[in-house]
């Protein structure tokens, strides 16, 4: 008897909490996301994103959310009898954008 009373009390307390946690489709705005990454021009050579590309996306309604360092590491290895060559690290900025999803 005591267990069933505790179970009923727990379920009664949990029901409003669970009801409030459910996800309703219209509650959150839907976003589209895109990113601009450095481009590889030749093997192991990268080109930075041009300011024109960033401004073009901004003109299309994209909001800049983050700029983070994007790191490319190239480890050059020699033959087993040779010592390994040094690792080359290149750092370029990567841009991340969002905008409200257009409903059509």
Protein backbone atom coordinates (compact mmCIF):
# COMPACT_ATOMS: atom_id res chain seq x y z
CA UNK A 1 0.00 0.00 0.00
CA UNK A 2 2.77 2.38 0.94
CA UNK A 3 4.62 1.72 -2.35
CA UNK A 4 1.57 2.39 -4.48
CA UNK A 5 0.93 5.69 -2.66
CA UNK A 6 4.53 6.75 -3.30
CA UNK A 7 4.27 5.72 -6.95
CA UNK A 8 1.04 7.66 -7.45
CA UNK A 9 2.52 10.74 -5.73
CA UNK A 10 5.65 10.55 -7.88
CA UNK A 11 3.66 10.18 -11.10
CA UNK A 12 1.37 13.05 -10.13
CA UNK A 13 4.38 15.32 -9.48
CA UNK A 14 6.22 14.22 -12.63
CA UNK A 15 3.31 14.65 -15.04
CA UNK A 16 3.29 18.51 -15.06
CA UNK A 17 7.09 18.58 -15.32
CA UNK A 18 7.11 16.25 -18.30
CA UNK A 19 4.23 18.12 -19.93
CA UNK A 20 6.21 21.37 -19.70
CA UNK A 21 9.30 19.79 -21.27
CA UNK A 22 7.72 18.62 -24.50
CA UNK A 23 8.86 20.30 -27.67
CA UNK A 24 6.21 22.18 -29.56
CA UNK A 25 6.88 22.74 -33.29
CA UNK A 26 6.10 26.46 -33.31
CA UNK A 27 8.02 27.40 -30.18
CA UNK A 28 11.53 27.64 -31.63
CA UNK A 29 12.52 29.47 -34.80
CA UNK A 30 14.06 27.27 -37.46
CA UNK A 31 17.51 28.30 -38.67
CA UNK A 32 19.57 27.46 -41.70
CA UNK A 33 23.32 27.26 -41.14
CA UNK A 34 26.26 27.51 -43.50
CA UNK A 35 30.00 27.88 -43.25
CA UNK A 36 32.90 29.26 -45.25
CA UNK A 37 36.07 27.21 -45.01
CA UNK A 38 39.48 27.83 -46.57
CA UNK A 39 39.79 26.28 -50.02
CA UNK A 40 42.50 23.92 -51.16
CA UNK A 41 44.18 25.42 -54.23
CA UNK A 42 46.77 22.68 -54.73
CA UNK A 43 47.71 19.69 -52.62
CA UNK A 44 48.52 20.92 -49.10
CA UNK A 45 48.12 24.59 -50.11
CA UNK A 46 45.07 26.52 -48.89
CA UNK A 47 43.61 29.90 -49.73
CA UNK A 48 41.94 32.13 -47.17
CA UNK A 49 38.27 33.07 -47.57
CA UNK A 50 37.95 36.43 -49.30
CA UNK A 51 36.17 39.33 -47.60
CA UNK A 52 33.93 39.64 -50.68
CA UNK A 53 32.45 36.18 -50.01
CA UNK A 54 31.68 37.08 -46.39
CA UNK A 55 30.03 40.34 -47.47
CA UNK A 56 27.98 38.53 -50.12
CA UNK A 57 26.53 36.18 -47.51
CA UNK A 58 25.83 39.12 -45.20
CA UNK A 59 23.95 40.83 -48.03
CA UNK A 60 21.80 37.71 -48.46
CA UNK A 61 20.62 37.91 -44.84
CA UNK A 62 23.11 35.55 -43.20
CA UNK A 63 24.21 36.50 -39.68
CA UNK A 64 27.83 35.83 -38.72
CA UNK A 65 27.77 33.63 -35.63
CA UNK A 66 31.40 32.63 -35.12
CA UNK A 67 34.88 32.91 -36.55
CA UNK A 68 37.14 30.11 -35.40
CA UNK A 69 40.67 29.11 -36.31
CA UNK A 70 40.66 26.23 -38.76
CA UNK A 71 43.92 24.32 -38.64
CA UNK A 72 45.39 22.15 -41.35
CA UNK A 73 48.28 19.94 -40.34
CA UNK A 74 50.49 18.32 -42.92
CA UNK A 75 52.97 15.84 -41.62
CA UNK A 76 55.55 15.06 -44.23
CA UNK A 77 56.99 11.58 -43.85
CA UNK A 78 60.04 10.22 -45.51
CA UNK A 79 61.15 6.69 -46.20
CA UNK A 80 61.85 4.44 -43.19
CA UNK A 81 65.59 5.05 -43.40
CA UNK A 82 65.12 8.85 -43.40
CA UNK A 83 64.18 10.93 -40.38
CA UNK A 84 60.61 12.25 -40.51
CA UNK A 85 60.30 15.72 -41.92
CA UNK A 86 58.82 18.48 -39.79
CA UNK A 87 55.09 19.01 -39.51
CA UNK A 88 53.71 22.07 -41.26
CA UNK A 89 50.76 23.78 -39.57
CA UNK A 90 48.62 26.33 -41.36
CA UNK A 91 45.90 28.31 -39.57
CA UNK A 92 43.05 30.05 -41.40
CA UNK A 93 39.77 31.50 -40.13
CA UNK A 94 36.55 29.58 -40.76
CA UNK A 95 33.26 31.52 -40.76
CA UNK A 96 29.91 30.18 -39.55
CA UNK A 97 26.59 31.82 -40.40
CA UNK A 98 22.90 31.37 -39.58
CA UNK A 99 19.61 32.86 -40.77
CA UNK A 100 15.94 32.20 -40.23
CA UNK A 101 14.65 29.46 -42.45
CA UNK A 102 12.50 30.82 -45.27
CA UNK A 103 9.10 29.12 -45.40
CA UNK A 104 7.92 28.66 -48.97
